[in-house]
């Protein structure tokens, strides 16, 4: 794995996405992990619930303008892009369009780009069955779409969705979802942040000291899942 960030140099990271990013203040969890490992990191976000990357790339709304202002006016080392949770499956070409537009802006900023692959919805969530038979199938469809876009655009990929699937299937005692079966709970956001740390710094997430209050055994399970998909 080629690390995009180094603990030897102060870094600035921008997250662009929606509620899957801002739930539980996940970017701050990522920052806490990095700082506990000795990194000097500043994290900023532009997020709006339900928004697509196409909307976040557009100057026609305040969040698109905010993202554009940051990318044109400030320096970042890495930009994370998180698409609306269903769009990579139901509108893959529009996913590509939005990701490409924001990737161009990030590269003009000389930032590396990491796509934040999201997860299949939990069983019982009604929108799951509109696009897949079960959680695994939705996760696999999302994974294939994210991999295609990452390959086409030459972006790195944080495989959070596969880490979710690993824990969902092998450790059902660890709950990752909020009650709606779509958004992450605090544990799920910690798992996402572990994956982001591994891909950003190229380090084994099982060595992370910050456990976000999860307890030794749960933290171990999450770190192993992040390692399995990242390294």
C-alpha atoms as a PDB file:
ATOM      1  CA  UNK A   1       0.000   0.000   0.000  1.00  0.00           C
ATOM      2  CA  UNK A   2       1.268   3.458  -0.931  1.00  0.00           C
ATOM      3  CA  UNK A   3       0.737   5.857   1.980  1.00  0.00           C
ATOM      4  CA  UNK A   4      -0.609   9.290   1.122  1.00  0.00           C
ATOM      5  CA  UNK A   5       0.237  10.824   4.506  1.00  0.00           C
ATOM      6  CA  UNK A   6       3.280  10.667   6.755  1.00  0.00           C
ATOM      7  CA  UNK A   7       3.391  11.056  10.511  1.00  0.00           C
ATOM      8  CA  UNK A   8       6.602  13.042  10.018  1.00  0.00           C
ATOM      9  CA  UNK A   9       4.769  15.912   8.353  1.00  0.00           C
ATOM     10  CA  UNK A  10       1.717  17.948   9.389  1.00  0.00           C
ATOM     11  CA  UNK A  11      -1.243  17.085   7.190  1.00  0.00           C
ATOM     12  CA  UNK A  12      -4.608  18.596   6.320  1.00  0.00           C
ATOM     13  CA  UNK A  13      -7.504  16.362   5.273  1.00  0.00           C
ATOM     14  CA  UNK A  14     -10.875  17.327   3.817  1.00  0.00           C
ATOM     15  CA  UNK A  15     -13.935  15.067   3.945  1.00  0.00           C
ATOM     16  CA  UNK A  16     -16.652  15.663   1.356  1.00  0.00           C
ATOM     17  CA  UNK A  17     -19.833  13.630   1.750  1.00  0.00           C
ATOM     18  CA  UNK A  18     -23.113  13.352   3.599  1.00  0.00           C
ATOM     19  CA  UNK A  19     -24.539  11.857   6.790  1.00  0.00           C
ATOM     20  CA  UNK A  20     -22.495   8.655   6.500  1.00  0.00           C
ATOM     21  CA  UNK A  21     -19.507  10.935   7.047  1.00  0.00           C
ATOM     22  CA  UNK A  22     -20.844  13.324   9.673  1.00  0.00           C
ATOM     23  CA  UNK A  23     -22.697  10.805  11.866  1.00  0.00           C
ATOM     24  CA  UNK A  24     -20.877  10.490  15.203  1.00  0.00           C
ATOM     25  CA  UNK A  25     -18.394  13.107  13.948  1.00  0.00           C
ATOM     26  CA  UNK A  26     -16.398  10.383  12.193  1.00  0.00           C
ATOM     27  CA  UNK A  27     -13.758  12.791  10.810  1.00  0.00           C
ATOM     28  CA  UNK A  28     -12.866  13.720  14.409  1.00  0.00           C
ATOM     29  CA  UNK A  29     -12.568  10.024  15.293  1.00  0.00           C
ATOM     30  CA  UNK A  30     -10.145   9.670  12.388  1.00  0.00           C
ATOM     31  CA  UNK A  31      -8.223  12.683  13.662  1.00  0.00           C
ATOM     32  CA  UNK A  32      -8.108  11.199  17.180  1.00  0.00           C
ATOM     33  CA  UNK A  33      -6.721   7.911  15.851  1.00  0.00           C
ATOM     34  CA  UNK A  34      -4.013   9.694  13.867  1.00  0.00           C
ATOM     35  CA  UNK A  35      -3.043  11.974  16.735  1.00  0.00           C
ATOM     36  CA  UNK A  36      -2.832   9.023  19.145  1.00  0.00           C
ATOM     37  CA  UNK A  37      -0.400   7.415  16.698  1.00  0.00           C
ATOM     38  CA  UNK A  38       1.806  10.498  16.716  1.00  0.00           C
ATOM     39  CA  UNK A  39       0.541  12.278  13.595  1.00  0.00           C
ATOM     40  CA  UNK A  40      -0.040  16.012  13.344  1.00  0.00           C
ATOM     41  CA  UNK A  41      -3.353  16.214  11.553  1.00  0.00           C
ATOM     42  CA  UNK A  42      -6.050  18.806  10.892  1.00  0.00           C
ATOM     43  CA  UNK A  43      -9.406  17.643   9.545  1.00  0.00           C
ATOM     44  CA  UNK A  44     -12.154  19.701   7.877  1.00  0.00           C
ATOM     45  CA  UNK A  45     -15.468  18.613   6.356  1.00  0.00           C
ATOM     46  CA  UNK A  46     -18.131  19.682   3.887  1.00  0.00           C
ATOM     47  CA  UNK A  47     -21.205  17.506   4.399  1.00  0.00           C
ATOM     48  CA  UNK A  48     -24.936  17.650   3.846  1.00  0.00           C
ATOM     49  CA  UNK A  49     -27.416  14.851   4.578  1.00  0.00           C
ATOM     50  CA  UNK A  50     -28.549  12.983   1.475  1.00  0.00           C
ATOM     51  CA  UNK A  51     -26.283  14.892  -0.909  1.00  0.00           C
ATOM     52  CA  UNK A  52     -24.592  13.247  -3.866  1.00  0.00           C
ATOM     53  CA  UNK A  53     -21.060  13.956  -5.037  1.00  0.00           C
ATOM     54  CA  UNK A  54     -22.573  15.584  -8.108  1.00  0.00           C
ATOM     55  CA  UNK A  55     -24.365  18.087  -5.859  1.00  0.00           C
ATOM     56  CA  UNK A  56     -21.239  18.624  -3.762  1.00  0.00           C
ATOM     57  CA  UNK A  57     -19.304  19.409  -6.935  1.00  0.00           C
ATOM     58  CA  UNK A  58     -21.887  21.959  -8.117  1.00  0.00           C
ATOM     59  CA  UNK A  59     -21.712  25.728  -7.562  1.00  0.00           C
ATOM     60  CA  UNK A  60     -25.522  25.790  -7.583  1.00  0.00           C
ATOM     61  CA  UNK A  61     -25.799  25.100  -3.843  1.00  0.00           C
ATOM     62  CA  UNK A  62     -24.042  26.378  -0.718  1.00  0.00           C
ATOM     63  CA  UNK A  63     -22.299  23.079   0.048  1.00  0.00           C
ATOM     64  CA  UNK A  64     -20.876  22.766  -3.445  1.00  0.00           C
ATOM     65  CA  UNK A  65     -19.670  26.355  -3.201  1.00  0.00           C
ATOM     66  CA  UNK A  66     -18.129  25.641   0.219  1.00  0.00           C
ATOM     67  CA  UNK A  67     -16.219  22.633  -1.143  1.00  0.00           C
ATOM     68  CA  UNK A  68     -15.038  24.656  -4.125  1.00  0.00           C
ATOM     69  CA  UNK A  69     -13.937  27.540  -1.899  1.00  0.00           C
ATOM     70  CA  UNK A  70     -11.865  25.258   0.317  1.00  0.00           C
ATOM     71  CA  UNK A  71     -10.270  23.406  -2.578  1.00  0.00           C
ATOM     72  CA  UNK A  72      -9.442  26.599  -4.448  1.00  0.00           C
ATOM     73  CA  UNK A  73      -8.399  28.666  -1.441  1.00  0.00           C
ATOM     74  CA  UNK A  74      -6.703  26.298   1.012  1.00  0.00           C
ATOM     75  CA  UNK A  75      -4.130  23.530   0.790  1.00  0.00           C
ATOM     76  CA  UNK A  76      -5.012  19.889   1.539  1.00  0.00           C
ATOM     77  CA  UNK A  77      -2.969  16.717   1.434  1.00  0.00           C
ATOM     78  CA  UNK A  78      -5.868  14.266   1.113  1.00  0.00           C
ATOM     79  CA  UNK A  79      -9.526  14.597   0.146  1.00  0.00           C
ATOM     80  CA  UNK A  80     -12.030  11.850   1.007  1.00  0.00           C
ATOM     81  CA  UNK A  81     -15.093  11.536  -1.239  1.00  0.00           C
ATOM     82  CA  UNK A  82     -18.213   9.702  -0.010  1.00  0.00           C
ATOM     83  CA  UNK A  83     -21.121   9.177  -2.380  1.00  0.00           C
ATOM     84  CA  UNK A  84     -24.805   9.018  -1.429  1.00  0.00           C
ATOM     85  CA  UNK A  85     -25.369   5.513  -0.091  1.00  0.00           C
ATOM     86  CA  UNK A  86     -27.469   4.076  -2.961  1.00  0.00           C
ATOM     87  CA  UNK A  87     -26.209   6.023  -5.961  1.00  0.00           C
ATOM     88  CA  UNK A  88     -23.186   3.807  -6.799  1.00  0.00           C
ATOM     89  CA  UNK A  89     -25.666   0.958  -7.372  1.00  0.00           C
ATOM     90  CA  UNK A  90     -28.669   2.709  -8.913  1.00  0.00           C
ATOM     91  CA  UNK A  91     -26.870   5.488 -10.868  1.00  0.00           C
ATOM     92  CA  UNK A  92     -23.235   4.400 -11.361  1.00  0.00           C
ATOM     93  CA  UNK A  93     -22.596   6.821 -14.206  1.00  0.00           C
ATOM     94  CA  UNK A  94     -23.731   9.781 -12.118  1.00  0.00           C
ATOM     95  CA  UNK A  95     -21.490   8.498  -9.320  1.00  0.00           C
ATOM     96  CA  UNK A  96     -18.605   8.550 -11.787  1.00  0.00           C
ATOM     97  CA  UNK A  97     -19.533  12.045 -12.942  1.00  0.00           C
ATOM     98  CA  UNK A  98     -19.609  13.520  -9.436  1.00  0.00           C
ATOM     99  CA  UNK A  99     -16.445  11.727  -8.305  1.00  0.00           C
ATOM    100  CA  UNK A 100     -14.584  12.832 -11.432  1.00  0.00           C
ATOM    101  CA  UNK A 101     -15.580  16.487 -10.981  1.00  0.00           C
ATOM    102  CA  UNK A 102     -14.409  16.577  -7.367  1.00  0.00           C
ATOM    103  CA  UNK A 103     -11.268  14.569  -8.116  1.00  0.00           C
ATOM    104  CA  UNK A 104     -10.255  17.176 -10.696  1.00  0.00           C
ATOM    105  CA  UNK A 105     -10.726  19.931  -8.117  1.00  0.00           C
ATOM    106  CA  UNK A 106      -8.763  17.997  -5.500  1.00  0.00           C
ATOM    107  CA  UNK A 107      -5.888  17.332  -7.882  1.00  0.00           C
ATOM    108  CA  UNK A 108      -5.782  20.981  -8.845  1.00  0.00           C
ATOM    109  CA  UNK A 109      -5.218  21.479  -5.108  1.00  0.00           C
ATOM    110  CA  UNK A 110      -2.397  18.844  -5.350  1.00  0.00           C
ATOM    111  CA  UNK A 111      -4.273  16.617  -2.905  1.00  0.00           C
ATOM    112  CA  UNK A 112      -4.489  12.857  -3.027  1.00  0.00           C
ATOM    113  CA  UNK A 113      -7.999  11.441  -3.345  1.00  0.00           C
ATOM    114  CA  UNK A 114      -9.487   8.545  -1.383  1.00  0.00           C
ATOM    115  CA  UNK A 115     -12.931   7.210  -2.153  1.00  0.00           C
ATOM    116  CA  UNK A 116     -14.858   6.204   0.985  1.00  0.00           C
ATOM    117  CA  UNK A 117     -16.652   2.971   0.093  1.00  0.00           C
ATOM    118  CA  UNK A 118     -19.856   2.644   2.113  1.00  0.00           C
ATOM    119  CA  UNK A 119     -21.726  -0.497   3.220  1.00  0.00           C
ATOM    120  CA  UNK A 120     -24.795  -2.554   2.532  1.00  0.00           C
ATOM    121  CA  UNK A 121     -27.783  -1.656   4.648  1.00  0.00           C
ATOM    122  CA  UNK A 122     -28.775  -3.829   7.575  1.00  0.00           C
ATOM    123  CA  UNK A 123     -31.442  -6.496   7.189  1.00  0.00           C
ATOM    124  CA  UNK A 124     -34.834  -4.987   7.842  1.00  0.00           C
ATOM    125  CA  UNK A 125     -34.059  -1.632   6.277  1.00  0.00           C
ATOM    126  CA  UNK A 126     -36.819  -1.232   3.641  1.00  0.00           C
ATOM    127  CA  UNK A 127     -34.611   0.486   1.060  1.00  0.00           C
ATOM    128  CA  UNK A 128     -32.182  -2.437   1.099  1.00  0.00           C
ATOM    129  CA  UNK A 129     -34.629  -4.663  -0.750  1.00  0.00           C
ATOM    130  CA  UNK A 130     -35.184  -2.134  -3.530  1.00  0.00           C
ATOM    131  CA  UNK A 131     -31.689  -2.825  -4.869  1.00  0.00           C
ATOM    132  CA  UNK A 132     -30.453  -6.101  -3.371  1.00  0.00           C
ATOM    133  CA  UNK A 133     -31.600  -9.373  -1.852  1.00  0.00           C
ATOM    134  CA  UNK A 134     -29.580  -8.916   1.310  1.00  0.00           C
ATOM    135  CA  UNK A 135     -26.802  -6.945   3.008  1.00  0.00           C
ATOM    136  CA  UNK A 136     -24.020  -8.922   1.336  1.00  0.00           C
ATOM    137  CA  UNK A 137     -25.351  -8.360  -2.171  1.00  0.00           C
ATOM    138  CA  UNK A 138     -25.701  -4.614  -1.614  1.00  0.00           C
ATOM    139  CA  UNK A 139     -22.186  -4.469  -0.145  1.00  0.00           C
ATOM    140  CA  UNK A 140     -20.782  -6.341  -3.143  1.00  0.00           C
ATOM    141  CA  UNK A 141     -22.603  -4.107  -5.628  1.00  0.00           C
ATOM    142  CA  UNK A 142     -21.309  -1.004  -3.852  1.00  0.00           C
ATOM    143  CA  UNK A 143     -17.797  -2.451  -3.699  1.00  0.00           C
ATOM    144  CA  UNK A 144     -17.748  -3.201  -7.420  1.00  0.00           C
ATOM    145  CA  UNK A 145     -18.964   0.294  -8.271  1.00  0.00           C
ATOM    146  CA  UNK A 146     -16.430   2.006  -6.000  1.00  0.00           C
ATOM    147  CA  UNK A 147     -13.615  -0.170  -7.351  1.00  0.00           C
ATOM    148  CA  UNK A 148     -14.576   0.718 -10.917  1.00  0.00           C
ATOM    149  CA  UNK A 149     -14.579   4.459 -10.216  1.00  0.00           C
ATOM    150  CA  UNK A 150     -11.359   4.323  -8.186  1.00  0.00           C
ATOM    151  CA  UNK A 151      -9.651   2.451 -11.007  1.00  0.00           C
ATOM    152  CA  UNK A 152     -10.924   4.773 -13.720  1.00  0.00           C
ATOM    153  CA  UNK A 153      -9.887   7.900 -11.828  1.00  0.00           C
ATOM    154  CA  UNK A 154      -6.697   6.536 -10.257  1.00  0.00           C
ATOM    155  CA  UNK A 155      -7.928   7.168  -6.709  1.00  0.00           C
ATOM    156  CA  UNK A 156      -7.151   5.231  -3.561  1.00  0.00           C
ATOM    157  CA  UNK A 157     -10.007   3.331  -1.949  1.00  0.00           C
ATOM    158  CA  UNK A 158     -10.973   3.007   1.719  1.00  0.00           C
ATOM    159  CA  UNK A 159     -12.864  -0.313   1.740  1.00  0.00           C
ATOM    160  CA  UNK A 160     -15.088   0.451   4.707  1.00  0.00           C
ATOM    161  CA  UNK A 161     -18.037  -1.419   3.209  1.00  0.00           C
ATOM    162  CA  UNK A 162     -16.117  -4.693   3.132  1.00  0.00           C
ATOM    163  CA  UNK A 163     -14.940  -4.201   6.721  1.00  0.00           C
ATOM    164  CA  UNK A 164     -18.583  -3.698   7.730  1.00  0.00           C
ATOM    165  CA  UNK A 165     -19.508  -6.917   5.918  1.00  0.00           C
ATOM    166  CA  UNK A 166     -16.710  -8.834   7.653  1.00  0.00           C
ATOM    167  CA  UNK A 167     -17.930  -7.795  11.103  1.00  0.00           C
ATOM    168  CA  UNK A 168     -21.618  -8.160  10.163  1.00  0.00           C
ATOM    169  CA  UNK A 169     -21.166 -11.767   9.057  1.00  0.00           C
ATOM    170  CA  UNK A 170     -18.468 -13.002  11.441  1.00  0.00           C
ATOM    171  CA  UNK A 171     -19.199 -11.034  14.617  1.00  0.00           C
ATOM    172  CA  UNK A 172     -22.949 -10.434  14.834  1.00  0.00           C
ATOM    173  CA  UNK A 173     -22.511  -9.582  18.511  1.00  0.00           C
ATOM    174  CA  UNK A 174     -20.865  -6.296  17.417  1.00  0.00           C
ATOM    175  CA  UNK A 175     -23.537  -3.817  16.280  1.00  0.00           C
ATOM    176  CA  UNK A 176     -22.380  -1.345  13.634  1.00  0.00           C
ATOM    177  CA  UNK A 177     -25.691   0.213  12.596  1.00  0.00           C
ATOM    178  CA  UNK A 178     -27.886   2.934  14.006  1.00  0.00           C
ATOM    179  CA  UNK A 179     -31.521   1.865  14.605  1.00  0.00           C
ATOM    180  CA  UNK A 180     -32.523   2.883  11.058  1.00  0.00           C
ATOM    181  CA  UNK A 181     -30.347   0.091   9.616  1.00  0.00           C
ATOM    182  CA  UNK A 182     -28.633   2.545   7.292  1.00  0.00           C
ATOM    183  CA  UNK A 183     -26.422   4.966   9.200  1.00  0.00           C
ATOM    184  CA  UNK A 184     -23.489   3.902  11.358  1.00  0.00           C
ATOM    185  CA  UNK A 185     -23.629   3.934  15.111  1.00  0.00           C
ATOM    186  CA  UNK A 186     -20.537   5.134  16.994  1.00  0.00           C
ATOM    187  CA  UNK A 187     -18.893   1.707  16.628  1.00  0.00           C
ATOM    188  CA  UNK A 188     -19.484   1.731  12.877  1.00  0.00           C
ATOM    189  CA  UNK A 189     -17.977   5.200  12.568  1.00  0.00           C
ATOM    190  CA  UNK A 190     -14.914   4.042  14.512  1.00  0.00           C
ATOM    191  CA  UNK A 191     -14.521   1.141  12.069  1.00  0.00           C
ATOM    192  CA  UNK A 192     -14.723   3.564   9.136  1.00  0.00           C
ATOM    193  CA  UNK A 193     -12.082   5.783  10.736  1.00  0.00           C
ATOM    194  CA  UNK A 194      -9.766   2.797  11.250  1.00  0.00           C
ATOM    195  CA  UNK A 195     -10.013   1.950   7.553  1.00  0.00           C
ATOM    196  CA  UNK A 196      -9.348   5.575   6.629  1.00  0.00           C
ATOM    197  CA  UNK A 197      -6.281   5.644   8.867  1.00  0.00           C
ATOM    198  CA  UNK A 198      -4.885   2.454   7.351  1.00  0.00           C
ATOM    199  CA  UNK A 199      -5.220   3.650   3.769  1.00  0.00           C
ATOM    200  CA  UNK A 200      -4.045   7.222   4.503  1.00  0.00           C
ATOM    201  CA  UNK A 201      -0.929   6.347   6.480  1.00  0.00           C
ATOM    202  CA  UNK A 202      -0.263   2.862   5.121  1.00  0.00           C
ATOM    203  CA  UNK A 203      -0.108   1.452   8.634  1.00  0.00           C
ATOM    204  CA  UNK A 204      -1.474  -1.671  10.284  1.00  0.00           C
ATOM    205  CA  UNK A 205      -4.672  -0.592  12.092  1.00  0.00           C
ATOM    206  CA  UNK A 206      -4.262  -3.348  14.693  1.00  0.00           C
ATOM    207  CA  UNK A 207      -1.455  -1.199  16.124  1.00  0.00           C
ATOM    208  CA  UNK A 208      -3.790   1.751  16.758  1.00  0.00           C
ATOM    209  CA  UNK A 209      -3.898   2.669  20.446  1.00  0.00           C
ATOM    210  CA  UNK A 210      -7.064   4.800  20.426  1.00  0.00           C
ATOM    211  CA  UNK A 211     -10.106   2.562  20.999  1.00  0.00           C
ATOM    212  CA  UNK A 212     -12.916   5.172  21.108  1.00  0.00           C
ATOM    213  CA  UNK A 213     -14.225   3.585  24.282  1.00  0.00           C
ATOM    214  CA  UNK A 214     -15.109   0.336  22.522  1.00  0.00           C
ATOM    215  CA  UNK A 215     -13.405  -1.982  24.992  1.00  0.00           C
ATOM    216  CA  UNK A 216     -10.499  -4.309  24.289  1.00  0.00           C
ATOM    217  CA  UNK A 217     -12.323  -7.195  22.569  1.00  0.00           C
ATOM    218  CA  UNK A 218     -14.604  -5.115  20.357  1.00  0.00           C
ATOM    219  CA  UNK A 219     -11.728  -2.843  19.380  1.00  0.00           C
ATOM    220  CA  UNK A 220      -9.648  -5.906  18.471  1.00  0.00           C
ATOM    221  CA  UNK A 221     -12.412  -7.245  16.201  1.00  0.00           C
ATOM    222  CA  UNK A 222     -12.789  -3.881  14.454  1.00  0.00           C
ATOM    223  CA  UNK A 223      -9.051  -3.399  13.995  1.00  0.00           C
ATOM    224  CA  UNK A 224      -8.686  -6.888  12.521  1.00  0.00           C
ATOM    225  CA  UNK A 225     -11.542  -6.214  10.090  1.00  0.00           C
ATOM    226  CA  UNK A 226      -9.945  -2.933   9.011  1.00  0.00           C
ATOM    227  CA  UNK A 227      -6.619  -4.701   8.516  1.00  0.00           C
ATOM    228  CA  UNK A 228      -8.171  -7.508   6.477  1.00  0.00           C
ATOM    229  CA  UNK A 229      -9.567  -5.115   3.872  1.00  0.00           C
ATOM    230  CA  UNK A 230      -6.793  -2.499   3.949  1.00  0.00           C
ATOM    231  CA  UNK A 231      -3.433  -4.293   4.097  1.00  0.00           C
END
